[in-house]
Amino acid sequence: MLDTAVMVAAIRSDAGASRWLLRAALERRRGLTLLVSVPLLIEYEAVMTRAEHLKASGLSIGDVEALLDAVAVGDRTGAIGLSLAPHAAGRR
């Protein structure tokens, strides 16, 4: 389980430990597995889709929803690559 602040940091910065943890968990590297519940996913969505986080991350609501869908199913296929791609022009 990742704290909501970690999820927000993961979408806002492509260079931090939060992004690494989220990617590693989604790819099930180092034995990491995400544990989530419906209330936690609702909290993630409510916070991650706030205007200030979308602006800072360069993501759309649809991108966040795709990422959360991947989190919900434990996607290991890399289908979330777009959502976790480095930000254009080095924006963090």
Protein backbone atom coordinates (compact mmCIF):
# COMPACT_ATOMS: atom_id res chain seq x y z
CA MET A 1 0.00 0.00 0.00
CA LEU A 2 1.34 3.41 -0.93
CA ASP A 3 0.29 6.54 0.90
CA THR A 4 -1.64 9.05 -1.16
CA ALA A 5 1.22 11.55 -0.81
CA VAL A 6 3.56 8.99 -2.40
CA MET A 7 1.17 8.52 -5.32
CA VAL A 8 0.95 12.28 -5.83
CA ALA A 9 4.73 12.64 -5.67
CA ALA A 10 5.05 9.79 -8.19
CA ILE A 11 3.01 11.64 -10.80
CA ARG A 12 4.55 15.04 -10.10
CA SER A 13 8.22 14.05 -10.35
CA ASP A 14 9.88 11.55 -12.62
CA ALA A 15 13.11 11.58 -10.65
CA GLY A 16 12.10 10.67 -7.13
CA ALA A 17 11.81 7.61 -4.96
CA SER A 18 8.02 7.75 -5.14
CA ARG A 19 8.07 7.22 -8.91
CA TRP A 20 10.58 4.39 -8.50
CA LEU A 21 8.42 2.69 -5.85
CA LEU A 22 5.26 2.94 -7.95
CA ARG A 23 6.97 1.60 -11.08
CA ALA A 24 8.66 -1.19 -9.15
CA ALA A 25 5.39 -2.23 -7.54
CA LEU A 26 3.47 -2.17 -10.84
CA GLU A 27 6.22 -4.22 -12.49
CA ARG A 28 6.47 -6.42 -9.38
CA ARG A 29 10.19 -5.84 -9.15
CA ARG A 30 11.99 -6.75 -5.94
CA GLY A 31 8.95 -8.64 -4.75
CA LEU A 32 6.86 -5.48 -4.37
CA THR A 33 3.11 -5.88 -4.70
CA LEU A 34 0.58 -3.09 -4.36
CA LEU A 35 -2.26 -3.65 -1.93
CA VAL A 36 -5.25 -1.40 -2.50
CA SER A 37 -8.86 -1.13 -1.44
CA VAL A 38 -11.81 0.63 -3.03
CA PRO A 39 -11.74 3.45 -0.45
CA LEU A 40 -8.02 3.94 -1.04
CA LEU A 41 -8.48 4.08 -4.83
CA ILE A 42 -11.25 6.65 -4.35
CA GLU A 43 -8.91 8.73 -2.18
CA TYR A 44 -6.09 8.43 -4.75
CA GLU A 45 -8.43 9.62 -7.50
CA ALA A 46 -9.87 12.49 -5.46
CA VAL A 47 -6.44 13.84 -4.61
CA MET A 48 -4.50 13.01 -7.79
CA THR A 49 -7.09 14.70 -10.03
CA ARG A 50 -6.92 18.03 -8.22
CA ALA A 51 -6.12 20.81 -10.66
CA GLU A 52 -2.77 21.66 -9.05
CA HIS A 53 -1.53 18.06 -9.33
CA LEU A 54 -2.73 17.66 -12.92
CA LYS A 55 -1.02 20.92 -13.89
CA ALA A 56 2.24 20.01 -12.15
CA SER A 57 2.30 16.50 -13.60
CA GLY A 58 1.16 17.36 -17.10
CA LEU A 59 -1.37 14.52 -16.91
CA SER A 60 -5.04 14.55 -17.77
CA ILE A 61 -7.82 13.08 -15.67
CA GLY A 62 -7.90 10.22 -18.16
CA ASP A 63 -4.19 9.57 -17.62
CA VAL A 64 -4.71 9.40 -13.86
CA GLU A 65 -7.70 7.10 -14.31
CA ALA A 66 -5.64 4.78 -16.55
CA LEU A 67 -2.88 4.72 -13.96
CA LEU A 68 -5.33 3.92 -11.19
CA ASP A 69 -6.91 1.21 -13.32
CA ALA A 70 -3.45 -0.34 -13.64
CA VAL A 71 -2.94 -0.04 -9.89
CA ALA A 72 -6.31 -1.68 -9.26
CA VAL A 73 -5.50 -4.72 -11.37
CA GLY A 74 -1.81 -4.93 -10.57
CA ASP A 75 -0.82 -4.35 -14.21
CA ARG A 76 2.60 -5.82 -15.02
CA THR A 77 2.38 -5.32 -18.78
CA GLY A 78 3.72 -1.80 -18.93
CA ALA A 79 0.37 -0.55 -20.24
CA ILE A 80 0.74 2.45 -17.96
CA GLY A 81 3.86 3.68 -19.71
CA LEU A 82 2.16 6.81 -21.01
CA SER A 83 1.04 7.80 -17.53
CA LEU A 84 4.50 7.38 -16.05
CA ALA A 85 6.51 8.75 -18.95
CA PRO A 86 8.99 11.52 -18.10
CA HIS A 87 7.41 14.94 -18.35
CA ALA A 88 7.91 17.01 -21.45
CA ALA A 89 10.68 19.59 -21.31
CA GLY A 90 11.92 18.25 -17.99
CA ARG A 91 8.94 19.64 -16.10
CA ARG A 92 8.54 18.07 -12.66
